[in-house]
C-alpha atoms as a PDB file:
ATOM      1  CA  MET A   1     142.396-106.276 171.083  1.00  0.00           C
ATOM      2  CA  PRO A   2     138.688-106.049 170.946  1.00  0.00           C
ATOM      3  CA  SER A   3     136.863-107.422 167.498  1.00  0.00           C
ATOM      4  CA  THR A   4     135.942-105.008 164.865  1.00  0.00           C
ATOM      5  CA  ARG A   5     132.420-105.543 165.614  1.00  0.00           C
ATOM      6  CA  ASP A   6     131.978-105.002 169.087  1.00  0.00           C
ATOM      7  CA  ILE A   7     134.000-101.741 168.536  1.00  0.00           C
ATOM      8  CA  ARG A   8     131.539-100.731 165.786  1.00  0.00           C
ATOM      9  CA  ARG A   9     129.158-101.610 168.336  1.00  0.00           C
ATOM     10  CA  ARG A  10     130.458 -99.537 170.653  1.00  0.00           C
ATOM     11  CA  ILE A  11     131.168 -96.674 167.973  1.00  0.00           C
ATOM     12  CA  LYS A  12     127.063 -96.863 167.493  1.00  0.00           C
ATOM     13  CA  SER A  13     126.252 -96.773 171.028  1.00  0.00           C
ATOM     14  CA  VAL A  14     128.401 -93.405 171.733  1.00  0.00           C
ATOM     15  CA  LYS A  15     126.682 -92.092 168.488  1.00  0.00           C
ATOM     16  CA  ASN A  16     123.358 -92.253 169.614  1.00  0.00           C
ATOM     17  CA  THR A  17     124.189 -90.733 172.861  1.00  0.00           C
ATOM     18  CA  ARG A  18     126.444 -87.865 171.379  1.00  0.00           C
ATOM     19  CA  GLN A  19     122.390 -87.221 169.591  1.00  0.00           C
ATOM     20  CA  ILE A  20     120.439 -87.372 172.817  1.00  0.00           C
ATOM     21  CA  THR A  21     122.825 -85.313 174.871  1.00  0.00           C
ATOM     22  CA  LYS A  22     123.234 -82.991 172.374  1.00  0.00           C
ATOM     23  CA  ALA A  23     119.471 -82.623 171.795  1.00  0.00           C
ATOM     24  CA  MET A  24     118.731 -82.010 175.465  1.00  0.00           C
ATOM     25  CA  GLU A  25     121.698 -79.488 175.530  1.00  0.00           C
ATOM     26  CA  LEU A  26     119.321 -77.338 173.240  1.00  0.00           C
ATOM     27  CA  VAL A  27     116.069 -77.765 175.273  1.00  0.00           C
ATOM     28  CA  ALA A  28     117.815 -76.927 178.348  1.00  0.00           C
ATOM     29  CA  ALA A  29     119.295 -73.633 176.481  1.00  0.00           C
ATOM     30  CA  SER A  30     115.897 -72.796 175.429  1.00  0.00           C
ATOM     31  CA  LYS A  31     114.129 -73.219 178.629  1.00  0.00           C
ATOM     32  CA  MET A  32     116.886 -71.343 179.735  1.00  0.00           C
ATOM     33  CA  LYS A  33     116.082 -68.578 178.426  1.00  0.00           C
ATOM     34  CA  LYS A  34     112.360 -68.300 178.851  1.00  0.00           C
ATOM     35  CA  ALA A  35     113.452 -68.806 182.575  1.00  0.00           C
ATOM     36  CA  GLN A  36     115.716 -65.579 182.822  1.00  0.00           C
ATOM     37  CA  GLN A  37     113.387 -63.822 180.751  1.00  0.00           C
ATOM     38  CA  ALA A  38     110.038 -65.030 183.139  1.00  0.00           C
ATOM     39  CA  ALA A  39     112.738 -63.915 186.303  1.00  0.00           C
ATOM     40  CA  LEU A  40     113.458 -60.374 184.742  1.00  0.00           C
ATOM     41  CA  ALA A  41     109.320 -60.148 184.256  1.00  0.00           C
ATOM     42  CA  GLY A  42     108.789 -59.691 187.623  1.00  0.00           C
ATOM     43  CA  ARG A  43     111.165 -56.606 188.453  1.00  0.00           C
ATOM     44  CA  PRO A  44     108.277 -53.694 187.775  1.00  0.00           C
ATOM     45  CA  TYR A  45     106.348 -55.186 190.370  1.00  0.00           C
ATOM     46  CA  ALA A  46     109.049 -55.705 193.075  1.00  0.00           C
ATOM     47  CA  ASP A  47     109.786 -52.024 192.041  1.00  0.00           C
ATOM     48  CA  LEU A  48     106.665 -51.246 192.632  1.00  0.00           C
ATOM     49  CA  MET A  49     105.673 -52.498 196.148  1.00  0.00           C
ATOM     50  CA  ALA A  50     109.443 -51.742 197.354  1.00  0.00           C
ATOM     51  CA  GLU A  51     107.955 -48.157 196.716  1.00  0.00           C
ATOM     52  CA  MET A  52     104.661 -48.888 198.870  1.00  0.00           C
ATOM     53  CA  LEU A  53     106.261 -50.064 201.479  1.00  0.00           C
ATOM     54  CA  ALA A  54     108.825 -46.926 201.829  1.00  0.00           C
ATOM     55  CA  ALA A  55     105.930 -44.658 201.548  1.00  0.00           C
ATOM     56  CA  LEU A  56     104.585 -46.638 204.574  1.00  0.00           C
ATOM     57  CA  ALA A  57     107.489 -46.830 206.770  1.00  0.00           C
ATOM     58  CA  ASP A  58     107.214 -44.352 208.682  1.00  0.00           C
ATOM     59  CA  ARG A  59     103.538 -44.307 209.182  1.00  0.00           C
ATOM     60  CA  VAL A  60     103.086 -47.516 211.101  1.00  0.00           C
ATOM     61  CA  GLU A  61     104.520 -49.325 214.543  1.00  0.00           C
ATOM     62  CA  GLU A  62     106.469 -52.283 212.588  1.00  0.00           C
ATOM     63  CA  SER A  63     106.137 -54.415 216.067  1.00  0.00           C
ATOM     64  CA  GLN A  64     101.927 -54.742 215.578  1.00  0.00           C
ATOM     65  CA  HIS A  65     102.605 -57.091 212.382  1.00  0.00           C
ATOM     66  CA  PRO A  66     102.905 -60.730 213.341  1.00  0.00           C
ATOM     67  CA  PHE A  67     105.425 -60.883 210.170  1.00  0.00           C
ATOM     68  CA  LEU A  68     107.695 -58.632 212.150  1.00  0.00           C
ATOM     69  CA  ALA A  69     107.615 -60.009 215.823  1.00  0.00           C
ATOM     70  CA  LYS A  70     110.517 -61.714 216.972  1.00  0.00           C
ATOM     71  CA  ARG A  71     110.938 -65.089 218.951  1.00  0.00           C
ATOM     72  CA  GLU A  72     112.609 -67.862 219.871  1.00  0.00           C
ATOM     73  CA  VAL A  73     113.661 -70.147 217.131  1.00  0.00           C
ATOM     74  CA  LYS A  74     113.313 -73.762 218.280  1.00  0.00           C
ATOM     75  CA  VAL A  75     112.231 -75.165 215.089  1.00  0.00           C
ATOM     76  CA  ARG A  76     113.051 -74.324 211.708  1.00  0.00           C
ATOM     77  CA  GLY A  77     111.152 -74.212 208.756  1.00  0.00           C
ATOM     78  CA  ILE A  78     112.718 -74.141 205.320  1.00  0.00           C
ATOM     79  CA  ILE A  79     111.351 -74.287 201.994  1.00  0.00           C
ATOM     80  CA  LEU A  80     113.956 -76.211 199.955  1.00  0.00           C
ATOM     81  CA  ILE A  81     113.250 -76.043 196.059  1.00  0.00           C
ATOM     82  CA  THR A  82     114.837 -78.483 193.961  1.00  0.00           C
ATOM     83  CA  SER A  83     114.206 -79.808 190.350  1.00  0.00           C
ATOM     84  CA  ASP A  84     111.972 -83.284 189.446  1.00  0.00           C
ATOM     85  CA  LYS A  85     114.606 -84.433 187.406  1.00  0.00           C
ATOM     86  CA  GLY A  86     118.489 -84.775 187.175  1.00  0.00           C
ATOM     87  CA  LEU A  87     120.912 -84.831 184.495  1.00  0.00           C
ATOM     88  CA  CYS A  88     121.757 -81.233 186.203  1.00  0.00           C
ATOM     89  CA  GLY A  89     125.105 -82.063 187.431  1.00  0.00           C
ATOM     90  CA  PRO A  90     126.297 -80.933 190.878  1.00  0.00           C
ATOM     91  CA  LEU A  91     122.661 -78.671 191.288  1.00  0.00           C
ATOM     92  CA  ASN A  92     120.724 -81.018 193.397  1.00  0.00           C
ATOM     93  CA  SER A  93     123.540 -82.242 195.557  1.00  0.00           C
ATOM     94  CA  ASN A  94     125.089 -78.824 196.522  1.00  0.00           C
ATOM     95  CA  LEU A  95     121.645 -77.894 198.098  1.00  0.00           C
ATOM     96  CA  PHE A  96     121.574 -81.169 199.624  1.00  0.00           C
ATOM     97  CA  LYS A  97     124.752 -80.655 201.199  1.00  0.00           C
ATOM     98  CA  ALA A  98     123.599 -77.058 202.565  1.00  0.00           C
ATOM     99  CA  VAL A  99     120.670 -79.286 204.035  1.00  0.00           C
ATOM    100  CA  THR A 100     123.055 -81.489 205.675  1.00  0.00           C
ATOM    101  CA  ASP A 101     124.994 -78.537 207.242  1.00  0.00           C
ATOM    102  CA  ILE A 102     122.054 -77.544 209.235  1.00  0.00           C
ATOM    103  CA  LYS A 103     121.733 -79.107 212.539  1.00  0.00           C
ATOM    104  CA  THR A 104     118.953 -77.846 214.513  1.00  0.00           C
ATOM    105  CA  PRO A 105     115.945 -79.062 214.243  1.00  0.00           C
ATOM    106  CA  ALA A 106     114.098 -78.340 211.427  1.00  0.00           C
ATOM    107  CA  LYS A 107     110.916 -78.878 209.551  1.00  0.00           C
ATOM    108  CA  TYR A 108     110.523 -79.162 205.450  1.00  0.00           C
ATOM    109  CA  ALA A 109     108.391 -78.067 202.760  1.00  0.00           C
ATOM    110  CA  VAL A 110     109.987 -79.052 199.572  1.00  0.00           C
ATOM    111  CA  ILE A 111     109.551 -78.077 196.247  1.00  0.00           C
ATOM    112  CA  GLY A 112     110.633 -80.804 193.474  1.00  0.00           C
ATOM    113  CA  ARG A 113     111.196 -84.551 193.415  1.00  0.00           C
ATOM    114  CA  LYS A 114     114.638 -84.671 194.158  1.00  0.00           C
ATOM    115  CA  GLY A 115     114.302 -82.646 196.884  1.00  0.00           C
ATOM    116  CA  ALA A 116     111.324 -84.919 198.652  1.00  0.00           C
ATOM    117  CA  GLN A 117     113.482 -87.939 197.728  1.00  0.00           C
ATOM    118  CA  PHE A 118     116.654 -86.726 200.006  1.00  0.00           C
ATOM    119  CA  ILE A 119     114.210 -85.462 202.753  1.00  0.00           C
ATOM    120  CA  ALA A 120     112.872 -88.895 203.042  1.00  0.00           C
ATOM    121  CA  ARG A 121     115.793 -90.867 202.702  1.00  0.00           C
ATOM    122  CA  THR A 122     117.583 -89.368 205.010  1.00  0.00           C
ATOM    123  CA  ARG A 123     114.716 -88.987 207.634  1.00  0.00           C
ATOM    124  CA  ARG A 124     114.081 -85.004 208.183  1.00  0.00           C
ATOM    125  CA  GLU A 125     110.537 -84.208 208.962  1.00  0.00           C
ATOM    126  CA  LEU A 126     108.542 -83.590 205.908  1.00  0.00           C
ATOM    127  CA  LEU A 127     105.675 -81.209 206.617  1.00  0.00           C
ATOM    128  CA  ALA A 128     104.240 -80.927 202.707  1.00  0.00           C
ATOM    129  CA  ASP A 129     106.663 -81.934 198.861  1.00  0.00           C
ATOM    130  CA  PHE A 130     105.190 -80.164 195.864  1.00  0.00           C
ATOM    131  CA  PRO A 131     106.191 -80.653 192.201  1.00  0.00           C
ATOM    132  CA  ALA A 132     108.567 -78.298 190.034  1.00  0.00           C
ATOM    133  CA  ASN A 133     107.000 -77.861 187.013  1.00  0.00           C
ATOM    134  CA  ASP A 134     109.030 -76.479 183.912  1.00  0.00           C
ATOM    135  CA  ARG A 135     106.423 -73.733 183.799  1.00  0.00           C
ATOM    136  CA  THR A 136     106.726 -71.858 187.388  1.00  0.00           C
ATOM    137  CA  THR A 137     103.554 -70.068 187.940  1.00  0.00           C
ATOM    138  CA  PHE A 138     102.824 -67.571 190.710  1.00  0.00           C
ATOM    139  CA  THR A 139      99.669 -69.752 191.507  1.00  0.00           C
ATOM    140  CA  ASP A 140     101.408 -72.732 192.226  1.00  0.00           C
ATOM    141  CA  ILE A 141     103.947 -70.913 194.497  1.00  0.00           C
ATOM    142  CA  ARG A 142     101.705 -69.345 196.524  1.00  0.00           C
ATOM    143  CA  VAL A 143      99.841 -72.561 197.752  1.00  0.00           C
ATOM    144  CA  VAL A 144     103.803 -73.409 198.887  1.00  0.00           C
ATOM    145  CA  ALA A 145     104.667 -70.037 200.822  1.00  0.00           C
ATOM    146  CA  GLU A 146     101.035 -69.813 202.226  1.00  0.00           C
ATOM    147  CA  PHE A 147     101.195 -73.158 203.378  1.00  0.00           C
ATOM    148  CA  MET A 148     104.527 -72.163 205.533  1.00  0.00           C
ATOM    149  CA  VAL A 149     103.310 -69.229 206.474  1.00  0.00           C
ATOM    150  CA  LYS A 150     100.121 -70.887 208.145  1.00  0.00           C
ATOM    151  CA  GLN A 151     102.757 -73.085 209.884  1.00  0.00           C
ATOM    152  CA  PHE A 152     104.911 -70.199 211.068  1.00  0.00           C
ATOM    153  CA  LEU A 153     101.865 -68.600 211.951  1.00  0.00           C
ATOM    154  CA  ASN A 154     100.845 -71.363 214.353  1.00  0.00           C
ATOM    155  CA  GLY A 155     103.636 -72.023 215.884  1.00  0.00           C
ATOM    156  CA  THR A 156     104.806 -75.268 214.529  1.00  0.00           C
ATOM    157  CA  VAL A 157     108.221 -73.865 212.804  1.00  0.00           C
ATOM    158  CA  ASP A 158     109.744 -70.536 214.102  1.00  0.00           C
ATOM    159  CA  THR A 159     111.170 -68.638 210.930  1.00  0.00           C
ATOM    160  CA  VAL A 160     110.492 -69.733 207.711  1.00  0.00           C
ATOM    161  CA  GLU A 161     113.727 -69.761 205.582  1.00  0.00           C
ATOM    162  CA  VAL A 162     113.938 -70.831 201.813  1.00  0.00           C
ATOM    163  CA  ILE A 163     117.088 -72.680 199.983  1.00  0.00           C
ATOM    164  CA  TRP A 164     117.830 -72.355 196.038  1.00  0.00           C
ATOM    165  CA  PRO A 165     120.087 -72.558 193.939  1.00  0.00           C
ATOM    166  CA  ARG A 166     120.655 -68.661 192.975  1.00  0.00           C
ATOM    167  CA  PHE A 167     121.289 -67.865 189.817  1.00  0.00           C
ATOM    168  CA  ARG A 168     124.557 -65.768 189.091  1.00  0.00           C
ATOM    169  CA  ASN A 169     125.205 -66.738 185.379  1.00  0.00           C
ATOM    170  CA  THR A 170     124.950 -70.007 182.779  1.00  0.00           C
ATOM    171  CA  LEU A 171     128.122 -71.792 184.596  1.00  0.00           C
ATOM    172  CA  VAL A 172     127.566 -70.409 188.299  1.00  0.00           C
ATOM    173  CA  GLN A 173     124.603 -71.273 190.868  1.00  0.00           C
ATOM    174  CA  VAL A 174     125.585 -71.311 194.424  1.00  0.00           C
ATOM    175  CA  PRO A 175     122.966 -72.975 196.780  1.00  0.00           C
ATOM    176  CA  THR A 176     121.997 -70.289 199.223  1.00  0.00           C
ATOM    177  CA  VAL A 177     119.842 -70.020 202.930  1.00  0.00           C
ATOM    178  CA  MET A 178     117.787 -67.112 202.749  1.00  0.00           C
ATOM    179  CA  PRO A 179     115.977 -66.779 206.112  1.00  0.00           C
ATOM    180  CA  LEU A 180     111.904 -65.133 204.972  1.00  0.00           C
ATOM    181  CA  LEU A 181     110.308 -64.825 208.659  1.00  0.00           C
ATOM    182  CA  PRO A 182     110.500 -63.077 211.075  1.00  0.00           C
ATOM    183  CA  LEU A 183     111.065 -59.864 209.042  1.00  0.00           C
ATOM    184  CA  THR A 184     113.548 -57.717 210.756  1.00  0.00           C
ATOM    185  CA  SER A 185     112.165 -54.560 209.504  1.00  0.00           C
ATOM    186  CA  VAL A 186     109.994 -53.310 206.698  1.00  0.00           C
ATOM    187  CA  LYS A 187     113.293 -51.249 205.376  1.00  0.00           C
ATOM    188  CA  ASP A 188     114.870 -54.116 205.111  1.00  0.00           C
ATOM    189  CA  VAL A 189     112.321 -55.580 202.863  1.00  0.00           C
ATOM    190  CA  ILE A 190     112.637 -53.048 200.855  1.00  0.00           C
ATOM    191  CA  ALA A 191     116.330 -53.539 200.397  1.00  0.00           C
ATOM    192  CA  GLU A 192     115.626 -56.949 199.660  1.00  0.00           C
ATOM    193  CA  LEU A 193     113.203 -55.881 197.242  1.00  0.00           C
ATOM    194  CA  ARG A 194     115.258 -53.381 194.965  1.00  0.00           C
ATOM    195  CA  SER A 195     118.087 -55.835 195.198  1.00  0.00           C
ATOM    196  CA  HIS A 196     115.658 -57.666 192.073  1.00  0.00           C
ATOM    197  CA  THR A 197     115.362 -54.410 190.269  1.00  0.00           C
ATOM    198  CA  VAL A 198     117.730 -52.735 187.785  1.00  0.00           C
ATOM    199  CA  PRO A 199     117.710 -49.083 188.453  1.00  0.00           C
ATOM    200  CA  ALA A 200     117.666 -46.926 185.804  1.00  0.00           C
ATOM    201  CA  PRO A 201     120.381 -44.431 185.367  1.00  0.00           C
ATOM    202  CA  ALA A 202     118.204 -41.645 184.279  1.00  0.00           C
ATOM    203  CA  ALA A 203     115.630 -41.441 186.538  1.00  0.00           C
ATOM    204  CA  ALA A 204     115.826 -39.425 189.562  1.00  0.00           C
ATOM    205  CA  PRO A 205     115.642 -40.647 193.185  1.00  0.00           C
ATOM    206  CA  ALA A 206     111.964 -40.229 194.435  1.00  0.00           C
ATOM    207  CA  SER A 207     111.784 -37.365 196.964  1.00  0.00           C
ATOM    208  CA  PRO A 208     109.737 -37.689 200.733  1.00  0.00           C
ATOM    209  CA  ALA A 209     107.366 -35.074 199.326  1.00  0.00           C
ATOM    210  CA  ALA A 210     106.042 -37.407 196.734  1.00  0.00           C
ATOM    211  CA  ASP A 211     105.819 -40.561 199.129  1.00  0.00           C
ATOM    212  CA  ASN A 212     103.996 -38.152 201.688  1.00  0.00           C
ATOM    213  CA  GLN A 213     101.441 -37.797 198.682  1.00  0.00           C
ATOM    214  CA  MET A 214     100.358 -41.447 198.834  1.00  0.00           C
ATOM    215  CA  LEU A 215      97.263 -42.129 200.218  1.00  0.00           C
ATOM    216  CA  PHE A 216      96.545 -44.921 201.709  1.00  0.00           C
ATOM    217  CA  GLU A 217      92.729 -46.546 201.965  1.00  0.00           C
ATOM    218  CA  PRO A 218      91.796 -47.389 204.879  1.00  0.00           C
ATOM    219  CA  ASP A 219      95.032 -47.039 207.286  1.00  0.00           C
ATOM    220  CA  ALA A 220      98.650 -47.574 206.301  1.00  0.00           C
ATOM    221  CA  SER A 221      98.193 -50.121 209.169  1.00  0.00           C
ATOM    222  CA  SER A 222      95.726 -51.872 207.071  1.00  0.00           C
ATOM    223  CA  VAL A 223      97.447 -51.771 203.693  1.00  0.00           C
ATOM    224  CA  LEU A 224     100.816 -52.877 205.385  1.00  0.00           C
ATOM    225  CA  THR A 225      99.029 -56.411 206.568  1.00  0.00           C
ATOM    226  CA  SER A 226      97.864 -57.044 203.199  1.00  0.00           C
ATOM    227  CA  LEU A 227     100.788 -55.905 201.355  1.00  0.00           C
ATOM    228  CA  LEU A 228     103.558 -58.136 203.764  1.00  0.00           C
ATOM    229  CA  PRO A 229     101.798 -61.120 202.499  1.00  0.00           C
ATOM    230  CA  LEU A 230     102.236 -60.124 199.127  1.00  0.00           C
ATOM    231  CA  TYR A 231     106.009 -59.709 199.719  1.00  0.00           C
ATOM    232  CA  VAL A 232     106.700 -63.214 201.285  1.00  0.00           C
ATOM    233  CA  ASN A 233     104.492 -65.012 198.327  1.00  0.00           C
ATOM    234  CA  ARG A 234     106.549 -62.907 195.183  1.00  0.00           C
ATOM    235  CA  GLU A 235     109.629 -63.620 196.898  1.00  0.00           C
ATOM    236  CA  VAL A 236     109.302 -67.482 197.377  1.00  0.00           C
ATOM    237  CA  PHE A 237     108.322 -67.219 193.796  1.00  0.00           C
ATOM    238  CA  GLN A 238     111.371 -65.035 192.543  1.00  0.00           C
ATOM    239  CA  HIS A 239     113.415 -67.770 194.346  1.00  0.00           C
ATOM    240  CA  ALA A 240     111.808 -70.415 192.268  1.00  0.00           C
ATOM    241  CA  LEU A 241     111.921 -69.163 189.199  1.00  0.00           C
ATOM    242  CA  ASP A 242     115.452 -68.238 190.247  1.00  0.00           C
ATOM    243  CA  ALA A 243     116.117 -72.209 190.798  1.00  0.00           C
ATOM    244  CA  LYS A 244     114.192 -72.686 187.286  1.00  0.00           C
ATOM    245  CA  ALA A 245     117.175 -70.462 185.308  1.00  0.00           C
ATOM    246  CA  SER A 246     119.465 -72.408 187.879  1.00  0.00           C
ATOM    247  CA  GLU A 247     118.364 -76.172 186.641  1.00  0.00           C
ATOM    248  CA  HIS A 248     118.179 -75.483 183.138  1.00  0.00           C
ATOM    249  CA  SER A 249     121.605 -73.662 182.925  1.00  0.00           C
ATOM    250  CA  ALA A 250     122.999 -76.292 185.305  1.00  0.00           C
ATOM    251  CA  ARG A 251     121.383 -78.829 183.037  1.00  0.00           C
ATOM    252  CA  MET A 252     122.550 -77.432 179.628  1.00  0.00           C
ATOM    253  CA  VAL A 253     126.226 -77.247 181.175  1.00  0.00           C
ATOM    254  CA  ALA A 254     126.210 -80.700 182.156  1.00  0.00           C
ATOM    255  CA  MET A 255     124.777 -82.124 178.976  1.00  0.00           C
ATOM    256  CA  LYS A 256     126.983 -80.392 177.016  1.00  0.00           C
ATOM    257  CA  THR A 257     130.247 -81.818 178.745  1.00  0.00           C
ATOM    258  CA  ALA A 258     128.463 -85.125 178.432  1.00  0.00           C
ATOM    259  CA  LYS A 259     128.486 -84.245 174.443  1.00  0.00           C
ATOM    260  CA  ASP A 260     131.885 -83.296 174.272  1.00  0.00           C
ATOM    261  CA  ASN A 261     133.135 -86.240 175.689  1.00  0.00           C
ATOM    262  CA  ALA A 262     131.101 -88.447 173.602  1.00  0.00           C
ATOM    263  CA  THR A 263     132.713 -86.844 170.478  1.00  0.00           C
ATOM    264  CA  LYS A 264     136.325 -87.472 172.116  1.00  0.00           C
ATOM    265  CA  LEU A 265     135.367 -91.099 172.728  1.00  0.00           C
ATOM    266  CA  LEU A 266     134.122 -91.092 169.308  1.00  0.00           C
ATOM    267  CA  GLY A 267     137.270 -90.120 168.275  1.00  0.00           C
ATOM    268  CA  ASP A 268     139.459 -92.365 170.477  1.00  0.00           C
ATOM    269  CA  LEU A 269     137.015 -95.641 169.283  1.00  0.00           C
ATOM    270  CA  THR A 270     137.807 -94.335 165.606  1.00  0.00           C
ATOM    271  CA  LEU A 271     141.201 -94.687 166.062  1.00  0.00           C
ATOM    272  CA  GLU A 272     140.952 -98.059 167.715  1.00  0.00           C
ATOM    273  CA  TYR A 273     139.122 -99.368 164.804  1.00  0.00           C
ATOM    274  CA  ASN A 274     141.277 -98.429 161.986  1.00  0.00           C
ATOM    275  CA  LYS A 275     144.153 -99.835 164.153  1.00  0.00           C
ATOM    276  CA  ALA A 276     142.093-102.840 164.452  1.00  0.00           C
ATOM    277  CA  ARG A 277     141.219-102.757 161.103  1.00  0.00           C
ATOM    278  CA  GLN A 278     144.587-102.000 159.532  1.00  0.00           C
ATOM    279  CA  ALA A 279     146.264-104.905 161.653  1.00  0.00           C
ATOM    280  CA  GLY A 280     143.507-107.434 160.501  1.00  0.00           C
ATOM    281  CA  ILE A 281     144.480-106.383 157.152  1.00  0.00           C
ATOM    282  CA  THR A 282     148.013-106.673 157.466  1.00  0.00           C
ATOM    283  CA  GLN A 283     147.678-110.597 158.650  1.00  0.00           C
ATOM    284  CA  GLU A 284     145.512-111.561 155.979  1.00  0.00           C
ATOM    285  CA  ILE A 285     148.559-110.309 153.940  1.00  0.00           C
ATOM    286  CA  LEU A 286     150.894-111.884 155.843  1.00  0.00           C
ATOM    287  CA  GLU A 287     148.895-115.480 155.438  1.00  0.00           C
ATOM    288  CA  ILE A 288     148.554-115.176 151.858  1.00  0.00           C
ATOM    289  CA  ALA A 289     152.567-114.479 151.554  1.00  0.00           C
ATOM    290  CA  ALA A 290     153.081-116.929 154.106  1.00  0.00           C
ATOM    291  CA  ALA A 291     150.799-119.364 151.991  1.00  0.00           C
ATOM    292  CA  GLN A 292     152.611-118.489 148.600  1.00  0.00           C
ATOM    293  CA  PHE A 293     156.300-119.015 149.885  1.00  0.00           C
ATOM    294  CA  ALA A 294     155.041-122.331 151.875  1.00  0.00           C
ATOM    295  CA  ALA A 295     153.980-122.969 147.730  1.00  0.00           C
END
């Protein structure tokens, strides 16, 4: 049986660990709330963009835009969104499993140090890596999106896809692969944008007459040419915000589990310490009694 001194040292160590994990749980919970609010803040922008694209859909020839042109897929271009730090449960490992399942040739642009380390370790082709800051800004994510769009237009990759942990709730984050380029049609773009919005129950749907009253300068094709790159940037940004909310949620759950395990271990160690202490007291009493009997 360990000595009472060793058990006291373990109890002190576990108490320190529990204090750290509890603090990390509270910090992750605070950051998770902010990340969810940031993700919700983009809904009005997505709704307005969907409305404008709906007005454009019947006025332009979709095949004229390079984002809508079909091509043979030889090399896939993938944006992998992970975290910079660990201690977030199986979040990153689930994303890495999704990457491992890709058997076709692919090139990667990675957001997050953990993803860059995995791509380098598995000797996959890494085009670029970018940091995953706690405060995700549109300016930072636009650099990633524009980089991959440039690779797509140059023919370096034939698709642009995003792999990220889709946030469903605090306990569930699903690794998701979503094709981004080439776009299938403007109507599918509208459906994807509206999937990020919450329809107002009292609002009436827009009529075709209202759409026909929207005027575009200089012309509808030029507006579509400018709007579709904004859509791509916005989608990557939305997924990055979603990934950040997933990261903080996973870390909060992982730290809560660690705190609960530390509390349980502390109880076991306290019981063991009390038993050892009681055994020591009993031994001392027996020795005193034996000495008196011998005398």
